[in-house]
N, C-alpha and C. Protein backbone atom coordinates (compact mmCIF):
# COMPACT_ATOMS: atom_id res chain seq x y z
N MET A 1 -4.28 14.65 -28.92
CA MET A 1 -5.72 15.24 -28.12
C MET A 1 -6.92 15.18 -28.44
N LYS A 2 -7.96 14.81 -27.58
CA LYS A 2 -8.98 14.75 -27.78
C LYS A 2 -10.01 16.03 -27.85
N THR A 3 -11.05 16.14 -28.47
CA THR A 3 -11.71 17.28 -28.59
C THR A 3 -12.91 17.43 -27.37
N THR A 4 -12.92 18.50 -26.85
CA THR A 4 -13.93 18.86 -26.08
C THR A 4 -15.35 19.10 -26.64
N ASP A 5 -16.83 19.02 -25.51
CA ASP A 5 -17.95 19.16 -26.34
C ASP A 5 -17.90 20.84 -26.32
N LYS A 6 -17.39 21.46 -25.43
CA LYS A 6 -16.78 23.00 -25.70
C LYS A 6 -16.26 23.52 -27.27
N HIS A 7 -15.25 22.89 -27.10
CA HIS A 7 -14.36 22.84 -28.27
C HIS A 7 -15.16 22.59 -29.52
N ASN A 8 -15.83 21.46 -29.86
CA ASN A 8 -16.60 21.50 -30.94
C ASN A 8 -18.06 22.34 -31.17
N GLU A 9 -18.49 22.84 -29.90
CA GLU A 9 -19.52 23.78 -29.91
C GLU A 9 -18.90 25.11 -30.68
N ARG A 10 -17.70 25.47 -30.15
CA ARG A 10 -16.88 26.52 -30.40
C ARG A 10 -16.95 26.67 -32.02
N ILE A 11 -16.34 25.41 -32.64
CA ILE A 11 -16.18 25.50 -33.78
C ILE A 11 -17.33 25.52 -34.87
N ALA A 12 -18.42 24.65 -34.40
CA ALA A 12 -19.81 25.08 -34.73
C ALA A 12 -20.36 26.34 -34.96
N ASN A 13 -20.00 27.05 -33.96
CA ASN A 13 -20.87 28.44 -34.21
C ASN A 13 -19.60 29.32 -34.66
N MET A 14 -18.48 29.22 -35.01
CA MET A 14 -17.63 29.96 -35.66
C MET A 14 -18.36 30.46 -36.88
N THR A 15 -17.91 31.44 -37.42
CA THR A 15 -18.37 31.84 -38.98
C THR A 15 -17.42 31.53 -40.06
N PHE A 16 -17.68 30.82 -41.31
CA PHE A 16 -16.84 30.76 -42.19
C PHE A 16 -16.53 32.13 -42.81
N ALA A 17 -17.10 32.87 -42.81
CA ALA A 17 -16.78 34.56 -42.99
C ALA A 17 -15.24 35.20 -42.19
N SER A 18 -15.41 34.58 -40.71
CA SER A 18 -14.32 35.31 -39.99
C SER A 18 -12.98 34.38 -40.22
N VAL A 19 -13.09 33.07 -40.59
CA VAL A 19 -11.77 32.44 -41.12
C VAL A 19 -11.37 32.88 -42.16
N TYR A 20 -12.40 32.77 -42.98
CA TYR A 20 -11.77 32.66 -44.53
C TYR A 20 -10.55 33.84 -44.97
N PRO A 21 -10.72 35.10 -44.47
CA PRO A 21 -9.70 36.17 -44.52
C PRO A 21 -8.52 35.67 -44.10
N HIS A 22 -8.42 35.08 -42.66
CA HIS A 22 -7.09 34.22 -42.51
C HIS A 22 -6.57 32.98 -43.57
N TYR A 23 -7.46 32.50 -43.97
CA TYR A 23 -7.04 31.46 -45.06
C TYR A 23 -6.36 32.07 -46.21
N VAL A 24 -6.76 33.58 -46.61
CA VAL A 24 -6.63 34.07 -47.95
C VAL A 24 -5.18 34.60 -47.79
N THR A 25 -4.86 35.16 -46.33
CA THR A 25 -3.79 35.77 -46.06
C THR A 25 -2.60 34.92 -46.06
N LYS A 26 -2.97 33.60 -45.18
CA LYS A 26 -1.88 32.61 -45.33
C LYS A 26 -1.25 32.07 -46.27
N VAL A 27 -2.33 31.87 -47.56
CA VAL A 27 -1.87 31.37 -48.57
C VAL A 27 -1.32 32.30 -49.36
N GLU A 28 -1.67 33.59 -49.65
CA GLU A 28 -1.04 34.54 -50.39
C GLU A 28 0.51 34.85 -49.83
N LYS A 29 0.53 34.78 -48.26
CA LYS A 29 1.95 35.12 -47.98
C LYS A 29 2.88 34.02 -48.20
N LYS A 30 2.50 32.75 -48.56
CA LYS A 30 3.31 31.92 -49.13
C LYS A 30 3.51 31.65 -50.57
N GLY A 31 2.88 32.91 -51.10
CA GLY A 31 2.97 32.90 -52.62
C GLY A 31 1.97 32.06 -53.41
N ARG A 32 0.56 31.52 -52.73
CA ARG A 32 -0.37 30.90 -53.36
C ARG A 32 -1.42 32.06 -53.76
N THR A 33 -2.39 31.38 -54.54
CA THR A 33 -3.57 32.77 -54.98
C THR A 33 -4.52 32.57 -54.29
N LYS A 34 -5.63 33.11 -54.41
CA LYS A 34 -6.82 33.18 -53.80
C LYS A 34 -7.81 32.01 -54.79
N ALA A 35 -7.43 32.21 -56.03
CA ALA A 35 -8.21 31.20 -56.74
C ALA A 35 -7.65 29.80 -56.38
N GLU A 36 -6.51 29.61 -56.09
CA GLU A 36 -5.91 28.34 -55.79
C GLU A 36 -6.82 27.90 -54.42
N LEU A 37 -7.07 29.04 -53.60
CA LEU A 37 -7.55 28.65 -52.17
C LEU A 37 -9.20 28.27 -52.49
N LEU A 38 -9.49 28.84 -53.53
CA LEU A 38 -11.04 28.54 -53.76
C LEU A 38 -11.25 27.48 -54.48
N GLN A 39 -10.17 26.98 -55.45
CA GLN A 39 -10.10 25.49 -55.99
C GLN A 39 -10.14 24.41 -54.97
N VAL A 40 -9.55 24.51 -53.67
CA VAL A 40 -9.22 23.50 -52.67
C VAL A 40 -10.32 23.47 -52.07
N ILE A 41 -11.12 24.69 -51.59
CA ILE A 41 -12.36 24.33 -50.88
C ILE A 41 -13.31 23.98 -51.77
N SER A 42 -13.74 24.18 -53.08
CA SER A 42 -14.69 23.76 -54.09
C SER A 42 -14.62 22.33 -54.13
N TRP A 43 -13.22 21.76 -54.15
CA TRP A 43 -12.91 20.20 -54.33
C TRP A 43 -13.53 19.46 -52.80
N LEU A 44 -13.28 20.19 -51.52
CA LEU A 44 -13.55 19.52 -50.52
C LEU A 44 -15.07 19.78 -50.09
N THR A 45 -15.61 20.45 -50.64
CA THR A 45 -17.30 21.08 -50.40
C THR A 45 -18.25 20.59 -51.31
N GLY A 46 -17.70 20.95 -52.57
CA GLY A 46 -18.42 20.63 -53.83
C GLY A 46 -18.97 22.10 -54.36
N PHE A 47 -18.81 23.10 -53.48
CA PHE A 47 -19.21 24.71 -53.71
C PHE A 47 -18.49 25.12 -54.74
N ASP A 48 -19.40 26.02 -55.53
CA ASP A 48 -18.21 26.53 -56.81
C ASP A 48 -18.01 28.14 -55.93
N ASN A 49 -17.58 28.95 -56.84
CA ASN A 49 -16.99 30.28 -56.42
C ASN A 49 -18.05 30.92 -55.66
N GLN A 50 -19.23 30.85 -56.49
CA GLN A 50 -20.25 31.95 -56.42
C GLN A 50 -20.81 31.63 -54.94
N GLN A 51 -21.15 30.34 -54.90
CA GLN A 51 -21.68 29.61 -53.63
C GLN A 51 -20.69 30.25 -52.51
N ILE A 52 -19.64 29.68 -52.55
CA ILE A 52 -18.77 30.44 -51.52
C ILE A 52 -18.77 31.74 -51.02
N GLN A 53 -18.69 32.29 -52.03
CA GLN A 53 -18.83 34.02 -51.88
C GLN A 53 -20.19 34.26 -51.06
N GLN A 54 -21.48 33.57 -51.53
CA GLN A 54 -22.67 33.89 -50.90
C GLN A 54 -22.38 33.53 -49.45
N LEU A 55 -22.03 32.21 -49.01
CA LEU A 55 -21.82 31.58 -47.73
C LEU A 55 -20.95 32.80 -46.93
N ILE A 56 -20.11 33.33 -47.26
CA ILE A 56 -19.31 34.27 -46.73
C ILE A 56 -20.36 35.80 -46.36
N THR A 57 -20.96 36.25 -47.69
CA THR A 57 -21.77 37.15 -47.02
C THR A 57 -23.13 37.02 -45.92
N ASP A 58 -23.65 35.58 -46.31
CA ASP A 58 -24.53 35.28 -45.36
C ASP A 58 -23.90 35.18 -44.07
N LYS A 59 -22.47 35.03 -43.82
CA LYS A 59 -21.88 34.80 -42.20
C LYS A 59 -22.69 33.53 -41.82
N VAL A 60 -22.61 32.56 -42.66
CA VAL A 60 -22.78 30.93 -42.02
C VAL A 60 -22.01 30.58 -41.12
N THR A 61 -22.17 29.75 -40.13
CA THR A 61 -21.64 28.98 -39.17
C THR A 61 -20.63 27.98 -40.16
N PHE A 62 -19.69 27.38 -39.34
CA PHE A 62 -19.27 26.09 -39.84
C PHE A 62 -20.44 25.06 -40.10
N LYS A 63 -21.08 24.94 -39.07
CA LYS A 63 -22.22 23.89 -38.96
C LYS A 63 -22.84 24.25 -40.14
N THR A 64 -23.55 25.38 -40.60
CA THR A 64 -24.25 25.52 -41.75
C THR A 64 -23.38 25.34 -42.92
N PHE A 65 -22.30 25.63 -43.00
CA PHE A 65 -21.55 25.48 -44.00
C PHE A 65 -21.36 24.14 -44.68
N PHE A 66 -20.94 23.33 -43.46
CA PHE A 66 -20.85 21.70 -43.72
C PHE A 66 -22.19 20.96 -43.89
N GLU A 67 -23.23 21.64 -43.33
CA GLU A 67 -24.14 21.04 -43.58
C GLU A 67 -24.85 21.25 -45.09
N LYS A 68 -24.62 22.08 -45.69
CA LYS A 68 -24.87 22.55 -47.23
C LYS A 68 -23.83 21.60 -48.08
N ALA A 69 -22.66 21.47 -47.49
CA ALA A 69 -21.43 20.97 -48.42
C ALA A 69 -21.84 19.69 -48.66
N THR A 70 -21.39 19.17 -49.83
CA THR A 70 -21.02 17.71 -50.39
C THR A 70 -19.60 17.33 -50.16
N LEU A 71 -19.30 16.79 -49.20
CA LEU A 71 -18.17 16.34 -48.85
C LEU A 71 -17.39 15.44 -50.14
N HIS A 72 -16.08 15.76 -50.56
CA HIS A 72 -15.63 15.17 -51.64
C HIS A 72 -15.52 13.66 -51.10
N PRO A 73 -15.60 12.57 -51.82
CA PRO A 73 -15.42 11.14 -51.20
C PRO A 73 -14.17 10.94 -50.70
N ASN A 74 -12.90 11.47 -51.11
CA ASN A 74 -11.65 11.27 -51.04
C ASN A 74 -11.14 11.99 -49.84
N ALA A 75 -12.12 12.58 -49.02
CA ALA A 75 -12.07 13.75 -47.81
C ALA A 75 -11.33 12.65 -46.88
N THR A 76 -11.61 11.68 -46.60
CA THR A 76 -11.26 10.86 -45.51
C THR A 76 -9.52 10.41 -45.89
N LEU A 77 -9.15 10.79 -46.98
CA LEU A 77 -7.74 10.63 -47.37
C LEU A 77 -6.99 11.56 -46.64
N ILE A 78 -7.47 12.49 -45.96
CA ILE A 78 -6.87 13.70 -45.72
C ILE A 78 -6.43 13.32 -44.17
N THR A 79 -4.87 13.08 -43.87
CA THR A 79 -4.78 12.57 -42.67
C THR A 79 -3.46 13.79 -41.94
N GLY A 80 -3.16 13.34 -40.65
CA GLY A 80 -2.06 14.10 -40.13
C GLY A 80 -2.54 14.68 -39.19
N VAL A 81 -1.66 15.74 -38.60
CA VAL A 81 -1.95 16.60 -37.51
C VAL A 81 -2.16 18.21 -38.01
N ILE A 82 -3.44 18.82 -37.51
CA ILE A 82 -3.43 19.86 -37.55
C ILE A 82 -3.83 20.59 -36.06
N CYS A 83 -3.68 22.00 -35.97
CA CYS A 83 -3.86 22.37 -34.74
C CYS A 83 -3.67 21.67 -33.52
N GLY A 84 -2.74 20.80 -33.56
CA GLY A 84 -2.54 19.87 -32.53
C GLY A 84 -3.51 18.58 -32.48
N TYR A 85 -4.03 18.41 -33.38
CA TYR A 85 -5.20 17.43 -33.31
C TYR A 85 -4.74 16.28 -34.69
N ARG A 86 -4.70 15.01 -34.25
CA ARG A 86 -4.60 14.11 -35.55
C ARG A 86 -6.01 14.16 -36.10
N ILE A 87 -6.36 14.33 -37.48
CA ILE A 87 -7.46 14.19 -38.09
C ILE A 87 -8.39 13.19 -37.95
N GLU A 88 -7.60 11.98 -38.08
CA GLU A 88 -7.89 10.49 -38.36
C GLU A 88 -8.60 10.38 -36.65
N GLU A 89 -8.26 10.82 -35.70
CA GLU A 89 -8.62 10.57 -34.46
C GLU A 89 -9.76 11.54 -33.66
N ILE A 90 -10.45 12.48 -34.67
CA ILE A 90 -11.63 13.28 -34.09
C ILE A 90 -12.70 12.70 -34.37
N ASP A 91 -13.65 12.54 -33.28
CA ASP A 91 -14.82 11.65 -33.62
C ASP A 91 -16.18 12.38 -33.77
N ASN A 92 -15.87 14.09 -33.52
CA ASN A 92 -16.87 14.56 -33.89
C ASN A 92 -16.64 15.24 -35.52
N THR A 93 -17.71 14.61 -36.32
CA THR A 93 -17.79 14.89 -37.70
C THR A 93 -17.78 16.13 -38.27
N LEU A 94 -18.31 17.26 -37.70
CA LEU A 94 -18.27 18.57 -38.12
C LEU A 94 -16.59 19.11 -37.59
N THR A 95 -16.25 19.05 -36.45
CA THR A 95 -14.87 19.36 -36.16
C THR A 95 -13.99 18.56 -37.07
N LYS A 96 -14.12 17.62 -37.29
CA LYS A 96 -13.33 16.72 -38.60
C LYS A 96 -13.27 17.50 -39.69
N ASN A 97 -14.68 17.76 -40.19
CA ASN A 97 -14.82 18.50 -41.86
C ASN A 97 -13.81 19.90 -41.70
N VAL A 98 -13.89 20.51 -40.27
CA VAL A 98 -13.20 21.70 -40.22
C VAL A 98 -11.91 21.58 -40.38
N ARG A 99 -11.24 20.75 -39.66
CA ARG A 99 -9.80 20.45 -39.49
C ARG A 99 -9.48 19.76 -40.96
N TYR A 100 -10.34 19.10 -41.88
CA TYR A 100 -9.80 18.61 -43.25
C TYR A 100 -9.71 20.06 -43.96
N LEU A 101 -10.53 20.91 -43.89
CA LEU A 101 -10.55 22.32 -44.36
C LEU A 101 -9.02 22.91 -44.12
N ASP A 102 -8.67 23.13 -42.74
CA ASP A 102 -7.68 23.70 -42.39
C ASP A 102 -6.43 22.96 -42.89
N LYS A 103 -6.37 21.47 -43.09
CA LYS A 103 -5.19 20.81 -43.45
C LYS A 103 -4.88 21.08 -45.00
N LEU A 104 -6.04 21.27 -45.60
CA LEU A 104 -5.83 21.51 -47.10
C LEU A 104 -5.38 23.00 -47.21
N VAL A 105 -5.64 23.82 -46.56
CA VAL A 105 -5.04 25.27 -46.81
C VAL A 105 -3.94 25.05 -46.05
N ASP A 106 -3.25 24.65 -45.25
CA ASP A 106 -2.11 24.46 -44.71
C ASP A 106 -1.01 23.73 -45.48
N GLU A 107 -1.50 22.77 -46.41
CA GLU A 107 -0.75 22.06 -47.69
C GLU A 107 -0.76 23.32 -48.68
N LEU A 108 -1.71 23.84 -49.00
CA LEU A 108 -1.79 25.15 -50.00
C LEU A 108 -0.35 25.92 -49.69
N ALA A 109 -0.69 26.43 -48.35
CA ALA A 109 0.34 27.50 -48.21
C ALA A 109 1.90 26.88 -47.88
N LYS A 110 1.94 25.56 -47.76
CA LYS A 110 3.22 25.15 -47.74
C LYS A 110 4.00 24.61 -49.01
N GLY A 111 3.07 24.87 -49.98
CA GLY A 111 3.52 24.85 -51.67
C GLY A 111 3.39 23.24 -51.85
N ARG A 112 2.68 22.49 -51.43
CA ARG A 112 2.58 21.18 -51.86
C ARG A 112 1.79 21.53 -53.39
N LYS A 113 1.79 20.56 -54.05
CA LYS A 113 1.34 20.46 -55.62
C LYS A 113 0.10 20.32 -55.45
N MET A 114 -0.63 20.74 -56.10
CA MET A 114 -2.14 21.02 -56.17
C MET A 114 -2.60 19.55 -56.40
N GLU A 115 -2.12 18.85 -57.31
CA GLU A 115 -2.74 17.36 -57.51
C GLU A 115 -2.27 16.41 -56.36
N LYS A 116 -1.43 16.83 -55.59
CA LYS A 116 -1.30 16.13 -54.28
C LYS A 116 -2.33 16.46 -53.00
N ILE A 117 -2.73 17.90 -53.16
CA ILE A 117 -3.64 18.59 -52.24
C ILE A 117 -5.08 17.42 -52.61
N LEU A 118 -5.42 17.68 -53.86
CA LEU A 118 -6.46 17.39 -54.11
C LEU A 118 -6.60 15.79 -54.49
N ARG A 119 -6.43 15.15 -53.55
CA ARG A 119 -5.97 13.46 -53.40
C ARG A 119 -7.19 12.89 -54.67
């Protein structure tokens, strides 16, 4: 599936705060913890827990969220399909970064070991 400009714009304007509770629900429903979720987000973005909470409070868009982030050098090792899109085929950088995060949350919820998730 190829992303469209409209799809990329929608993702860019979505707030991290609007999606974060869904991440928490997804991982907790599968027996993982909020602390593990924060660890995964921190690994990908370089943010500490306090910075993540501030970004939620500030209701930043994903565009701003990833502009402020320092993506982990191994993020490109995150591959596979998420939300119907093959990550390695996404050409929009922001959309790819959001899908990296989605994939990590998905792997956490599926019970994958933390050392495998944090490549």
